[in-house]
């Protein structure tokens, strides 16, 4: 059976339209505060994780940490969404047993210590809707100093302590204790 030139032309035009439309998609630029994650145990060969922390990594960009995370005020502990903490197992934080589940991590910066907060509120942007009534636990963590870090960073130690570092500030969050 012979195809008409008209039907071939319509098909060709349709395909051209689809191809042009696919190439016209717009993608957002890279986020200035990209998401990152850290897990415990940190060894990638161990798939049986106890904790996963997902956070956004803001940069100082010649600004002071005390301006970005003011002392005495609840902070989302990063950029964009509040930090998401997934506990795959029941675990202690500050001597209190926390059930496996998903939580948000907030902090209240201080000069010598920070207040660490795990909240039942999840999928929250920033700390604008923070509600103290939904706190699961509050723990005090000492502040130490280290080499300056441009980007907020988090990593676990072998004992389950989560270290938060930004600028010269270091905070040890005692998971597992």
Protein backbone atom coordinates (compact mmCIF):
# COMPACT_ATOMS: atom_id res chain seq x y z
CA UNK A 1 0.00 0.00 0.00
CA UNK A 2 1.31 3.37 -0.96
CA UNK A 3 1.46 6.23 1.58
CA UNK A 4 0.47 9.62 0.40
CA UNK A 5 2.97 12.45 0.43
CA UNK A 6 0.54 14.39 2.61
CA UNK A 7 0.48 11.77 5.43
CA UNK A 8 4.29 11.47 5.36
CA UNK A 9 4.56 15.26 5.59
CA UNK A 10 2.16 15.40 8.56
CA UNK A 11 4.14 12.66 10.33
CA UNK A 12 7.43 14.47 9.64
CA UNK A 13 6.01 17.76 10.96
CA UNK A 14 4.73 16.04 14.10
CA UNK A 15 8.14 14.44 14.74
CA UNK A 16 9.87 17.78 14.16
CA UNK A 17 7.49 19.43 16.65
CA UNK A 18 8.17 16.74 19.28
CA UNK A 19 11.96 17.00 18.82
CA UNK A 20 11.95 20.80 19.02
CA UNK A 21 9.68 20.71 22.06
CA UNK A 22 11.97 18.23 23.87
CA UNK A 23 14.98 20.47 23.33
CA UNK A 24 13.08 23.53 24.56
CA UNK A 25 12.80 22.25 28.15
CA UNK A 26 14.17 24.64 30.74
CA UNK A 27 16.17 23.35 33.68
CA UNK A 28 16.86 25.27 36.86
CA UNK A 29 20.41 26.41 37.52
CA UNK A 30 22.43 24.51 40.10
CA UNK A 31 21.41 25.21 43.69
CA UNK A 32 23.91 27.42 45.48
CA UNK A 33 23.35 25.27 48.59
CA UNK A 34 23.34 21.71 47.23
CA UNK A 35 21.96 18.78 49.19
CA UNK A 36 24.32 16.29 50.77
CA UNK A 37 23.94 13.25 52.98
CA UNK A 38 25.93 11.37 55.57
CA UNK A 39 25.22 8.00 57.13
CA UNK A 40 26.22 5.96 60.14
CA UNK A 41 28.10 3.71 59.87
CA UNK A 42 30.07 5.79 57.38
CA UNK A 43 31.69 2.85 55.59
CA UNK A 44 29.98 2.49 52.21
CA UNK A 45 30.54 -1.27 52.34
CA UNK A 46 28.12 -1.52 55.28
CA UNK A 47 24.57 -1.42 53.94
CA UNK A 48 22.88 -1.90 57.32
CA UNK A 49 22.75 1.78 58.28
CA UNK A 50 21.47 3.09 61.60
CA UNK A 51 21.12 6.78 60.64
CA UNK A 52 20.94 8.88 57.48
CA UNK A 53 21.14 12.67 57.57
CA UNK A 54 20.17 14.74 54.50
CA UNK A 55 20.94 18.45 54.57
CA UNK A 56 21.68 21.44 52.33
CA UNK A 57 25.18 22.94 52.35
CA UNK A 58 25.15 26.75 52.46
CA UNK A 59 28.36 28.70 51.96
CA UNK A 60 29.72 31.51 54.11
CA UNK A 61 30.59 33.73 51.09
CA UNK A 62 32.39 36.31 53.26
CA UNK A 63 29.54 36.32 55.80
CA UNK A 64 29.69 35.51 59.49
CA UNK A 65 28.14 32.33 60.87
CA UNK A 66 26.64 34.38 63.70
CA UNK A 67 24.66 36.38 61.11
CA UNK A 68 23.43 33.30 59.23
CA UNK A 69 22.64 31.28 62.37
CA UNK A 70 22.03 33.81 65.17
CA UNK A 71 22.67 32.75 68.76
CA UNK A 72 19.56 31.96 70.78
CA UNK A 73 17.29 31.48 67.73
CA UNK A 74 16.00 28.21 66.28
CA UNK A 75 17.87 27.45 63.05
CA UNK A 76 17.08 24.90 60.32
CA UNK A 77 20.76 23.86 60.48
CA UNK A 78 21.62 24.47 56.86
CA UNK A 79 19.80 25.96 53.91
CA UNK A 80 16.44 25.34 52.29
CA UNK A 81 14.54 22.49 53.98
CA UNK A 82 15.20 21.59 57.59
CA UNK A 83 17.68 18.73 58.01
CA UNK A 84 16.04 15.34 57.52
CA UNK A 85 17.18 12.61 59.94
CA UNK A 86 16.12 9.03 59.33
CA UNK A 87 16.71 6.58 62.17
CA UNK A 88 16.56 3.04 60.84
CA UNK A 89 16.88 1.65 64.37
CA UNK A 90 15.95 2.85 67.83
CA UNK A 91 18.91 4.88 69.07
CA UNK A 92 19.86 7.07 72.02
CA UNK A 93 20.42 10.80 71.76
CA UNK A 94 21.50 12.55 74.91
CA UNK A 95 20.60 9.52 77.01
CA UNK A 96 17.01 9.36 75.68
CA UNK A 97 15.93 6.43 73.50
CA UNK A 98 14.46 7.65 70.21
CA UNK A 99 12.29 5.32 68.13
CA UNK A 100 13.22 4.52 64.54
CA UNK A 101 11.55 6.97 62.15
CA UNK A 102 11.94 10.25 60.31
CA UNK A 103 12.64 13.53 62.11
CA UNK A 104 13.77 17.09 61.42
CA UNK A 105 16.89 18.41 63.11
CA UNK A 106 16.93 21.98 64.34
CA UNK A 107 19.56 23.74 66.41
CA UNK A 108 19.80 26.78 68.63
CA UNK A 109 23.35 28.14 68.32
CA UNK A 110 25.17 29.45 71.35
CA UNK A 111 28.68 30.64 72.10
CA UNK A 112 29.79 27.67 74.23
CA UNK A 113 27.07 25.12 73.45
CA UNK A 114 24.26 24.50 70.97
CA UNK A 115 20.86 23.05 71.67
CA UNK A 116 20.18 20.10 69.37
CA UNK A 117 16.50 19.41 68.63
CA UNK A 118 14.87 16.41 66.96
CA UNK A 119 11.32 17.24 65.93
CA UNK A 120 8.37 15.13 64.79
CA UNK A 121 7.65 17.79 62.15
CA UNK A 122 8.98 16.62 58.79
CA UNK A 123 9.04 18.05 55.26
CA UNK A 124 9.35 21.60 56.56
CA UNK A 125 11.02 24.52 54.83
CA UNK A 126 13.45 26.35 57.06
CA UNK A 127 12.45 26.87 60.67
CA UNK A 128 9.54 29.21 59.98
CA UNK A 129 6.92 26.72 61.13
CA UNK A 130 9.01 25.24 63.97
CA UNK A 131 6.77 24.16 66.85
CA UNK A 132 8.43 23.37 70.19
CA UNK A 133 5.46 21.18 71.17
CA UNK A 134 6.63 18.67 68.54
CA UNK A 135 10.14 18.26 69.96
CA UNK A 136 11.10 14.64 70.56
CA UNK A 137 14.33 15.50 72.36
CA UNK A 138 16.56 18.46 73.17
CA UNK A 139 20.24 17.94 73.91
CA UNK A 140 23.05 20.36 74.74
CA UNK A 141 26.22 19.91 72.65
CA UNK A 142 29.54 21.66 73.29
CA UNK A 143 31.11 23.98 70.72
CA UNK A 144 34.77 23.59 69.75
CA UNK A 145 36.86 25.28 67.08
CA UNK A 146 38.60 23.94 63.99
CA UNK A 147 39.98 24.96 60.62
CA UNK A 148 37.57 27.17 58.70
CA UNK A 149 35.06 25.44 56.40
CA UNK A 150 33.38 27.49 53.64
CA UNK A 151 30.44 25.08 53.31
CA UNK A 152 28.37 23.59 56.12
CA UNK A 153 29.49 19.98 56.52
CA UNK A 154 28.31 17.00 58.55
CA UNK A 155 30.00 13.67 59.15
CA UNK A 156 29.78 10.79 61.59
CA UNK A 157 32.58 9.40 63.74
CA UNK A 158 32.93 5.66 64.29
CA UNK A 159 31.12 5.92 67.65
CA UNK A 160 27.97 7.47 66.11
CA UNK A 161 28.70 11.08 67.02
CA UNK A 162 27.52 13.44 64.27
CA UNK A 163 29.89 16.35 63.77
CA UNK A 164 28.57 19.57 62.33
CA UNK A 165 31.14 22.09 61.07
CA UNK A 166 30.86 25.51 59.46
CA UNK A 167 33.30 28.37 59.61
CA UNK A 168 35.50 27.52 62.59
CA UNK A 169 32.58 26.17 64.65
CA UNK A 170 32.34 22.45 65.43
CA UNK A 171 29.44 20.82 67.25
CA UNK A 172 29.37 17.15 68.32
CA UNK A 173 25.86 15.64 68.38
CA UNK A 174 25.97 12.50 70.57
CA UNK A 175 23.88 9.89 68.73
CA UNK A 176 24.22 6.48 70.38
CA UNK A 177 24.95 7.93 73.82
